Amino acid sequence: MHNLKLNLKHLRYFWAVASHGSIVRAAQALCITPQTISGQLRELEHQVGAKLFRRHGRNLVLTETGQLVFSYTDEMFELGGQLQDALDGNRPGSSLALKVGVAMVVPKLLAYRVLEPVLSLENPVRLVCNEAPLVDLLAELSVHKLDAVLADCAVNPTLNIRAYNHRLGESGISFFATPDCADALAPEFPGSLDGQDMLMPTSGSSLRRNLQVWFDQNGIKPEVVAEFEDRALMKAFGERGAGLFTSPTAVERDVLDKYRVRVIGRTAEITEQFYLISAERRIKHPALSVITEQARDLLLS
């Protein structure tokens, strides 16, 4: 053991598998084949002289030796990411990069309002936005490809991902339609929504579940004509009269300015909550602090 020389690549592959709980998921995050990771893990276990993982159902869990190795590699790669950020920021003529993942279900207008102040900081920050389903963004966050993720829900604690939730706030919901339709439905809102063509978020979103509960409680049965993961696309369909749609009341003015629609009504009984998810318990990146401050002004605390 005194002559043990660990390979950094082996350790990174091990760390990715430990973070994701699966060779397949780690391979997807690293854009390599599962066979490559399996081979590298075998070599690392041979070098260490002990098993690092054991099977638990479909997942891999760390052995006692694996937990020891993970505690060191986790700190090592976090420090490596911080070093890279520091070097990028100190490079002449360069700006500090902020890599943010935006979950597809988060309204684009709200994401813009929360992130835009980063571009006006005294010390320049280069904002890099990546939009994808939340599960894909969390995978990238876990291997430090992202600094944070903007989402409409907290990280599920059952996921084998080291991530921390920072609640930004919440907003009630506004219902929109084309001007003629909105004017006709507004006086009897919310009962007037019954039987109307409705554009809805996909079933995987927390808003979809909350909307369905609210409809049931109020005896409303809209006709769901289309479902969208991309909320901007949903608004584009709504603007052309394909159906009614919703958006957070916090960005109601932005929706009215951008789209040729009007408000049918609002409710505070349905709320959308928004979170900034980071790989660190305490937010250290200076630009992320600006995001949380802006969100407090925009959203209800």
Protein backbone atom coordinates (compact mmCIF):
# COMPACT_ATOMS: atom_id res chain seq x y z
CA MET A 1 0.00 0.00 0.00
CA HIS A 2 2.98 2.32 0.56
CA ASN A 3 3.74 2.29 -3.19
CA LEU A 4 0.09 2.95 -4.17
CA LYS A 5 -0.12 5.39 -7.11
CA LEU A 6 -3.71 6.37 -7.81
CA ASN A 7 -4.81 7.39 -11.28
CA LEU A 8 -6.82 10.64 -11.38
CA LYS A 9 -9.03 9.33 -14.18
CA HIS A 10 -9.86 6.21 -12.16
CA LEU A 11 -10.81 8.40 -9.20
CA ARG A 12 -13.03 10.67 -11.32
CA TYR A 13 -14.93 7.68 -12.74
CA PHE A 14 -15.29 6.22 -9.25
CA TRP A 15 -16.55 9.57 -7.92
CA ALA A 16 -19.11 9.86 -10.73
CA VAL A 17 -20.49 6.37 -10.07
CA ALA A 18 -20.68 7.05 -6.32
CA SER A 19 -22.49 10.35 -6.97
CA HIS A 20 -25.03 8.82 -9.36
CA GLY A 21 -25.42 5.40 -7.74
CA SER A 22 -25.15 3.67 -11.12
CA ILE A 23 -22.53 3.02 -13.78
CA VAL A 24 -25.07 3.71 -16.54
CA ARG A 25 -26.07 7.11 -15.13
CA ALA A 26 -22.44 8.06 -14.53
CA ALA A 27 -21.58 7.07 -18.11
CA GLN A 28 -24.38 9.27 -19.44
CA ALA A 29 -23.18 12.25 -17.40
CA LEU A 30 -19.55 11.77 -18.54
CA CYS A 31 -20.51 10.95 -22.16
CA ILE A 32 -18.55 7.68 -22.21
CA THR A 33 -19.56 4.02 -22.37
CA PRO A 34 -20.48 2.00 -19.26
CA GLN A 35 -17.89 -0.58 -20.31
CA THR A 36 -15.14 2.03 -20.05
CA ILE A 37 -16.18 2.97 -16.51
CA SER A 38 -16.49 -0.69 -15.45
CA GLY A 39 -12.96 -1.40 -16.65
CA GLN A 40 -11.52 1.64 -14.87
CA LEU A 41 -13.31 0.71 -11.63
CA ARG A 42 -11.87 -2.80 -11.72
CA GLU A 43 -8.38 -1.36 -12.11
CA LEU A 44 -8.94 1.05 -9.19
CA GLU A 45 -10.24 -1.74 -6.94
CA HIS A 46 -7.20 -3.83 -7.89
CA GLN A 47 -4.91 -0.93 -6.94
CA VAL A 48 -6.72 -0.29 -3.66
CA GLY A 49 -6.95 -3.97 -2.86
CA ALA A 50 -10.59 -3.87 -1.78
CA LYS A 51 -14.09 -3.67 -3.20
CA LEU A 52 -15.45 -0.12 -3.42
CA PHE A 53 -19.09 -0.94 -4.26
CA ARG A 54 -21.68 -3.59 -3.53
CA ARG A 55 -25.00 -4.25 -5.22
CA HIS A 56 -28.24 -3.07 -3.59
CA GLY A 57 -31.12 -3.80 -5.96
CA ARG A 58 -30.39 -1.98 -9.20
CA ASN A 59 -28.06 0.52 -7.55
CA LEU A 60 -24.49 0.42 -6.37
CA VAL A 61 -23.74 1.45 -2.78
CA LEU A 62 -20.36 2.21 -1.27
CA THR A 63 -18.53 -0.29 0.88
CA GLU A 64 -16.70 0.95 3.98
CA THR A 65 -13.54 1.39 1.91
CA GLY A 66 -15.56 3.05 -0.83
CA GLN A 67 -16.96 5.58 1.64
CA LEU A 68 -13.45 6.46 2.74
CA VAL A 69 -12.27 6.95 -0.84
CA PHE A 70 -15.39 8.95 -1.72
CA SER A 71 -14.94 11.35 1.22
CA TYR A 72 -11.51 12.32 -0.13
CA THR A 73 -12.39 12.40 -3.85
CA ASP A 74 -15.53 14.46 -3.24
CA GLU A 75 -13.52 17.15 -1.48
CA MET A 76 -10.73 16.87 -4.04
CA PHE A 77 -12.94 17.45 -7.10
CA GLU A 78 -14.87 20.25 -5.38
CA LEU A 79 -11.58 22.02 -4.70
CA GLY A 80 -10.53 21.38 -8.29
CA GLY A 81 -13.68 23.10 -9.54
CA GLN A 82 -13.07 26.07 -7.26
CA LEU A 83 -9.46 26.30 -8.46
CA GLN A 84 -10.62 26.33 -12.10
CA ASP A 85 -13.13 29.10 -11.36
CA ALA A 86 -10.44 31.11 -9.57
CA LEU A 87 -8.00 30.70 -12.46
CA ASP A 88 -10.69 31.66 -14.98
CA GLY A 89 -11.50 34.78 -12.99
CA ASN A 90 -7.85 35.82 -12.66
CA ARG A 91 -7.00 35.36 -16.32
CA PRO A 92 -6.35 38.80 -17.92
CA GLY A 93 -9.35 40.03 -19.89
CA SER A 94 -11.52 37.13 -18.76
CA SER A 95 -14.73 37.19 -16.74
CA LEU A 96 -15.91 34.84 -14.05
CA ALA A 97 -18.21 32.18 -15.50
CA LEU A 98 -21.54 31.24 -13.95
CA LYS A 99 -23.01 28.01 -15.32
CA VAL A 100 -26.72 27.72 -14.50
CA GLY A 101 -29.08 24.93 -15.51
CA VAL A 102 -32.71 25.98 -16.03
CA ALA A 103 -35.28 23.19 -15.74
CA MET A 104 -37.52 23.12 -18.81
CA VAL A 105 -40.67 23.57 -16.71
CA VAL A 106 -39.46 26.91 -15.29
CA PRO A 107 -41.12 29.85 -17.14
CA LYS A 108 -38.57 31.57 -19.34
CA LEU A 109 -39.75 35.05 -18.37
CA LEU A 110 -39.24 34.28 -14.70
CA ALA A 111 -35.82 32.73 -15.35
CA TYR A 112 -34.83 35.90 -17.21
CA ARG A 113 -36.01 38.18 -14.40
CA VAL A 114 -34.08 36.15 -11.81
CA LEU A 115 -30.85 35.75 -13.82
CA GLU A 116 -30.62 39.06 -15.71
CA PRO A 117 -29.05 41.10 -12.84
CA VAL A 118 -25.96 38.87 -13.06
CA LEU A 119 -25.07 40.62 -16.33
CA SER A 120 -24.94 44.03 -14.62
CA LEU A 121 -22.48 43.22 -11.84
CA GLU A 122 -19.50 45.50 -11.32
CA ASN A 123 -17.14 42.57 -11.79
CA PRO A 124 -18.09 41.01 -15.17
CA VAL A 125 -19.71 37.59 -15.10
CA ARG A 126 -20.17 35.41 -18.19
CA LEU A 127 -23.53 33.71 -17.80
CA VAL A 128 -23.87 30.24 -19.36
CA CYS A 129 -27.43 28.84 -19.36
CA ASN A 130 -28.28 25.22 -20.09
CA GLU A 131 -31.95 24.21 -20.40
CA ALA A 132 -32.90 20.56 -19.96
CA PRO A 133 -35.13 18.26 -17.88
CA LEU A 134 -34.36 18.57 -14.16
CA VAL A 135 -32.95 15.05 -13.80
CA ASP A 136 -30.37 15.72 -16.53
CA LEU A 137 -29.35 19.02 -14.94
CA LEU A 138 -28.90 17.41 -11.53
CA ALA A 139 -26.60 14.84 -13.13
CA GLU A 140 -24.44 17.65 -14.51
CA LEU A 141 -24.54 19.50 -11.18
CA SER A 142 -23.31 16.39 -9.37
CA VAL A 143 -20.13 16.28 -11.48
CA HIS A 144 -19.66 20.06 -11.18
CA LYS A 145 -20.48 20.87 -14.80
CA LEU A 146 -23.00 23.39 -13.43
CA ASP A 147 -22.76 25.87 -10.56
CA ALA A 148 -26.49 25.77 -9.81
CA VAL A 149 -29.88 24.70 -11.14
CA LEU A 150 -33.06 26.80 -11.24
CA ALA A 151 -36.06 24.52 -10.66
CA ASP A 152 -39.72 24.51 -9.65
CA CYS A 153 -39.25 21.84 -6.98
CA ALA A 154 -36.70 20.74 -4.41
CA VAL A 155 -34.37 17.80 -5.00
CA ASN A 156 -36.02 14.52 -4.11
CA PRO A 157 -34.10 13.16 -1.08
CA THR A 158 -34.35 9.62 -2.49
CA LEU A 159 -32.00 10.59 -5.34
CA ASN A 160 -28.43 9.60 -4.67
CA ILE A 161 -27.17 13.09 -5.48
CA ARG A 162 -25.34 15.47 -3.18
CA ALA A 163 -27.28 18.70 -3.66
CA TYR A 164 -28.77 21.41 -1.48
CA ASN A 165 -32.04 23.30 -1.92
CA HIS A 166 -32.19 27.08 -1.55
CA ARG A 167 -35.81 28.22 -1.64
CA LEU A 168 -36.17 31.44 -3.65
CA GLY A 169 -39.88 32.06 -3.02
CA GLU A 170 -43.26 31.43 -4.58
CA SER A 171 -45.90 33.04 -6.77
CA GLY A 172 -49.63 32.72 -7.30
CA ILE A 173 -51.03 31.82 -10.71
CA SER A 174 -52.66 33.93 -13.42
CA PHE A 175 -54.84 32.54 -16.24
CA PHE A 176 -54.51 34.04 -19.74
CA ALA A 177 -56.36 33.89 -23.05
CA THR A 178 -56.75 35.91 -26.24
CA PRO A 179 -58.41 39.31 -25.56
CA ASP A 180 -61.94 38.39 -26.71
CA CYS A 181 -61.90 35.09 -24.84
CA ALA A 182 -60.46 36.62 -21.66
CA ASP A 183 -63.08 39.39 -21.64
CA ALA A 184 -65.87 36.80 -21.96
CA LEU A 185 -64.53 34.50 -19.23
CA ALA A 186 -63.30 37.05 -16.67
CA PRO A 187 -66.68 37.98 -15.05
CA GLU A 188 -67.46 34.40 -13.97
CA PHE A 189 -63.90 33.31 -13.12
CA PRO A 190 -63.05 30.65 -12.01
CA GLY A 191 -66.26 28.79 -12.87
CA SER A 192 -66.04 30.03 -16.46
CA LEU A 193 -62.96 27.80 -16.98
CA ASP A 194 -65.19 24.72 -16.94
CA GLY A 195 -65.24 23.02 -20.35
CA GLN A 196 -62.72 25.44 -21.88
CA ASP A 197 -59.78 24.30 -24.02
CA MET A 198 -56.74 24.30 -21.76
CA LEU A 199 -53.00 24.22 -22.44
CA MET A 200 -51.26 22.47 -19.56
CA PRO A 201 -47.76 21.69 -18.31
CA THR A 202 -46.76 18.04 -18.63
CA SER A 203 -47.73 15.61 -15.89
CA GLY A 204 -44.20 15.57 -14.49
CA SER A 205 -44.41 19.17 -13.25
CA SER A 206 -45.55 20.20 -9.78
CA LEU A 207 -47.77 22.91 -11.33
CA ARG A 208 -49.74 20.32 -13.30
CA ARG A 209 -50.49 18.37 -10.12
CA ASN A 210 -51.49 21.52 -8.23
CA LEU A 211 -53.72 22.72 -11.06
CA GLN A 212 -55.53 19.39 -11.18
CA VAL A 213 -56.19 19.46 -7.43
CA TRP A 214 -57.53 23.03 -7.67
CA PHE A 215 -59.78 22.16 -10.62
CA ASP A 216 -61.20 19.19 -8.72
CA GLN A 217 -61.83 21.29 -5.59
CA ASN A 218 -63.70 23.89 -7.61
CA GLY A 219 -65.67 21.44 -9.77
CA ILE A 220 -63.92 22.60 -12.94
CA LYS A 221 -63.29 20.21 -15.81
CA PRO A 222 -61.34 21.93 -18.58
CA GLU A 223 -60.65 20.18 -21.88
CA VAL A 224 -56.88 19.58 -21.98
CA VAL A 225 -56.01 19.96 -25.65
CA ALA A 226 -52.21 20.02 -25.40
CA GLU A 227 -49.41 19.50 -22.87
CA PHE A 228 -46.04 21.26 -22.88
CA GLU A 229 -42.71 20.84 -21.16
CA ASP A 230 -41.59 24.16 -22.65
CA ARG A 231 -43.72 26.90 -21.11
CA ALA A 232 -42.67 29.47 -23.74
CA LEU A 233 -44.06 27.20 -26.45
CA MET A 234 -47.28 26.85 -24.47
CA LYS A 235 -47.67 30.65 -24.39
CA ALA A 236 -47.06 30.85 -28.14
CA PHE A 237 -49.92 28.41 -28.71
CA GLY A 238 -52.11 30.33 -26.27
CA GLU A 239 -51.43 33.62 -28.01
CA ARG A 240 -52.81 32.13 -31.23
CA GLY A 241 -56.03 30.99 -29.53
CA ALA A 242 -55.26 27.28 -29.08
CA GLY A 243 -56.43 27.41 -25.45
CA LEU A 244 -56.13 29.04 -22.04
CA PHE A 245 -52.79 28.94 -20.24
CA THR A 246 -51.20 29.88 -16.93
CA SER A 247 -48.12 31.74 -15.78
CA PRO A 248 -46.83 32.92 -12.38
CA THR A 249 -48.51 36.16 -11.30
CA ALA A 250 -45.02 37.48 -10.47
CA VAL A 251 -44.32 37.85 -14.21
CA GLU A 252 -47.88 38.69 -15.29
CA ARG A 253 -46.82 42.12 -16.61
CA ASP A 254 -44.06 40.52 -18.70
CA VAL A 255 -46.54 38.05 -20.24
CA LEU A 256 -48.93 40.86 -21.19
CA ASP A 257 -46.10 42.90 -22.72
CA LYS A 258 -44.71 39.99 -24.76
CA TYR A 259 -47.89 38.20 -25.85
CA ARG A 260 -51.19 39.49 -27.25
CA VAL A 261 -53.28 38.12 -24.40
CA ARG A 262 -55.23 39.32 -21.37
CA VAL A 263 -55.74 38.07 -17.84
CA ILE A 264 -58.86 36.02 -17.13
CA GLY A 265 -58.26 35.84 -13.40
CA ARG A 266 -55.78 35.03 -10.65
CA THR A 267 -55.60 32.70 -7.69
CA ALA A 268 -53.29 32.49 -4.70
CA GLU A 269 -54.65 29.03 -3.86
CA ILE A 270 -52.22 27.59 -6.40
CA THR A 271 -48.60 28.57 -5.96
CA GLU A 272 -45.45 27.77 -7.85
CA GLN A 273 -42.34 27.47 -5.73
CA PHE A 274 -38.88 28.05 -7.12
CA TYR A 275 -35.53 26.78 -5.90
CA LEU A 276 -31.88 27.33 -6.60
CA ILE A 277 -30.14 23.97 -6.23
CA SER A 278 -26.41 23.89 -5.62
CA ALA A 279 -23.77 21.27 -4.88
CA GLU A 280 -22.72 23.28 -1.81
CA ARG A 281 -24.60 23.81 1.43
CA ARG A 282 -23.52 27.46 1.49
CA ILE A 283 -23.63 29.52 -1.69
CA LYS A 284 -20.12 30.82 -2.37
CA HIS A 285 -20.29 32.08 -5.94
CA PRO A 286 -20.85 35.88 -5.71
CA ALA A 287 -23.25 35.93 -8.66
CA LEU A 288 -25.52 33.31 -7.07
CA SER A 289 -26.05 35.65 -4.12
CA VAL A 290 -27.36 38.27 -6.56
CA ILE A 291 -29.82 35.71 -7.96
CA THR A 292 -31.24 34.94 -4.53
CA GLU A 293 -31.60 38.66 -3.73
CA GLN A 294 -33.40 39.35 -7.01
CA ALA A 295 -35.74 36.43 -6.42
CA ARG A 296 -36.71 37.80 -3.01
CA ASP A 297 -37.81 41.05 -4.68
CA LEU A 298 -39.72 39.25 -7.42
CA LEU A 299 -41.32 36.40 -5.47
CA LEU A 300 -43.20 36.06 -2.20
CA SER A 301 -40.88 34.94 0.60
